[in-house]
C-alpha atoms as a PDB file:
ATOM      1  CA  MET A   1     106.804 119.231 104.035  1.00  0.00           C
ATOM      2  CA  THR A   2     106.703 122.939 103.555  1.00  0.00           C
ATOM      3  CA  GLY A   3     106.288 125.304 100.653  1.00  0.00           C
ATOM      4  CA  GLU A   4     103.777 127.521  98.932  1.00  0.00           C
ATOM      5  CA  ALA A   5     100.153 126.388  99.183  1.00  0.00           C
ATOM      6  CA  GLY A   6      99.979 125.729  95.422  1.00  0.00           C
ATOM      7  CA  GLU A   7     103.131 123.565  95.475  1.00  0.00           C
ATOM      8  CA  ILE A   8     101.846 121.518  98.394  1.00  0.00           C
ATOM      9  CA  GLY A   9      98.487 121.151  96.661  1.00  0.00           C
ATOM     10  CA  ARG A  10     100.091 119.854  93.454  1.00  0.00           C
ATOM     11  CA  LEU A  11     102.249 117.381  95.372  1.00  0.00           C
ATOM     12  CA  THR A  12      99.436 116.003  97.522  1.00  0.00           C
ATOM     13  CA  SER A  13      97.233 115.758  94.444  1.00  0.00           C
ATOM     14  CA  ALA A  14      99.927 113.851  92.515  1.00  0.00           C
ATOM     15  CA  PHE A  15     100.055 111.271  95.319  1.00  0.00           C
ATOM     16  CA  SER A  16      96.246 111.259  95.812  1.00  0.00           C
ATOM     17  CA  ILE A  17      96.637 112.377  99.422  1.00  0.00           C
ATOM     18  CA  HIS A  18      93.584 113.918 101.079  1.00  0.00           C
ATOM     19  CA  THR A  19      94.400 116.967 103.212  1.00  0.00           C
ATOM     20  CA  GLU A  20      92.301 119.200 105.426  1.00  0.00           C
ATOM     21  CA  ARG A  21      92.975 122.082 107.793  1.00  0.00           C
ATOM     22  CA  ASN A  22      92.874 121.337 111.502  1.00  0.00           C
ATOM     23  CA  GLY A  23      93.303 124.779 113.029  1.00  0.00           C
ATOM     24  CA  ALA A  24      96.856 125.914 112.216  1.00  0.00           C
ATOM     25  CA  LEU A  25      97.860 122.373 111.184  1.00  0.00           C
ATOM     26  CA  ILE A  26      97.059 120.270 108.133  1.00  0.00           C
ATOM     27  CA  ASP A  27      95.874 116.691 108.598  1.00  0.00           C
ATOM     28  CA  HIS A  28      96.573 114.248 105.793  1.00  0.00           C
ATOM     29  CA  ALA A  29      96.105 110.653 104.714  1.00  0.00           C
ATOM     30  CA  LEU A  30      99.034 108.233 104.811  1.00  0.00           C
ATOM     31  CA  ALA A  31     100.657 107.371 101.469  1.00  0.00           C
ATOM     32  CA  PRO A  32     104.306 106.269 101.782  1.00  0.00           C
ATOM     33  CA  ALA A  33     106.073 106.369  98.428  1.00  0.00           C
ATOM     34  CA  VAL A  34     109.416 105.544  96.849  1.00  0.00           C
ATOM     35  CA  VAL A  35     110.755 108.389  94.707  1.00  0.00           C
ATOM     36  CA  ASP A  36     113.582 107.583  92.291  1.00  0.00           C
ATOM     37  CA  GLY A  37     116.800 109.516  91.785  1.00  0.00           C
ATOM     38  CA  ASN A  38     115.120 111.562  89.030  1.00  0.00           C
ATOM     39  CA  GLY A  39     112.357 112.706  91.381  1.00  0.00           C
ATOM     40  CA  ARG A  40     109.711 110.442  89.864  1.00  0.00           C
ATOM     41  CA  PRO A  41     107.385 108.514  92.168  1.00  0.00           C
ATOM     42  CA  GLY A  42     107.578 104.760  91.922  1.00  0.00           C
ATOM     43  CA  GLU A  43     105.502 102.596  94.220  1.00  0.00           C
ATOM     44  CA  ILE A  44     102.880 104.325  96.378  1.00  0.00           C
ATOM     45  CA  TRP A  45     101.214 102.526  99.278  1.00  0.00           C
ATOM     46  CA  ARG A  46      97.825 103.744 100.535  1.00  0.00           C
ATOM     47  CA  GLY A  47      96.950 103.831 104.212  1.00  0.00           C
ATOM     48  CA  HIS A  48      98.443 101.246 106.552  1.00  0.00           C
ATOM     49  CA  ALA A  49      98.147  98.216 104.240  1.00  0.00           C
ATOM     50  CA  TRP A  50     101.913  97.764 103.661  1.00  0.00           C
ATOM     51  CA  LYS A  51     104.866  96.105 105.339  1.00  0.00           C
ATOM     52  CA  ALA A  52     108.383  97.454 105.854  1.00  0.00           C
ATOM     53  CA  THR A  53     109.732  94.453 103.918  1.00  0.00           C
ATOM     54  CA  GLU A  54     107.714  95.550 100.855  1.00  0.00           C
ATOM     55  CA  VAL A  55     109.218  99.032 101.016  1.00  0.00           C
ATOM     56  CA  LEU A  56     112.746  97.638 101.416  1.00  0.00           C
ATOM     57  CA  GLU A  57     112.280  95.245  98.476  1.00  0.00           C
ATOM     58  CA  ASN A  58     111.076  98.134  96.330  1.00  0.00           C
ATOM     59  CA  LEU A  59     114.030 100.317  97.375  1.00  0.00           C
ATOM     60  CA  ARG A  60     116.486  97.512  96.588  1.00  0.00           C
ATOM     61  CA  ALA A  61     114.917  96.892  93.168  1.00  0.00           C
ATOM     62  CA  ASP A  62     114.973 100.610  92.367  1.00  0.00           C
ATOM     63  CA  SER A  63     118.624 101.011  93.400  1.00  0.00           C
ATOM     64  CA  ALA A  64     119.598  97.955  91.323  1.00  0.00           C
ATOM     65  CA  ARG A  65     118.234  99.530  88.124  1.00  0.00           C
ATOM     66  CA  SER A  66     120.690 101.337  85.923  1.00  0.00           C
ATOM     67  CA  PRO A  67     120.213 105.112  85.382  1.00  0.00           C
ATOM     68  CA  GLN A  68     119.022 104.415  81.815  1.00  0.00           C
ATOM     69  CA  GLU A  69     116.077 102.401  83.150  1.00  0.00           C
ATOM     70  CA  SER A  70     114.933 105.062  85.610  1.00  0.00           C
END
């Protein structure tokens, strides 16, 4: 991800992702998320406690919803 510091701060805050500077780089916590076609976050998984099958099921359910439901 790239952008202005304020934009990155708002995004990481919205997903409850901890960030800290590591020299010229930024370290961050892991929080995979599904974002719908309207740019809204759906499911967010914290850390490593998720399985690829969970993410796929969530993606399939989200794509099956009509635009009115999103």
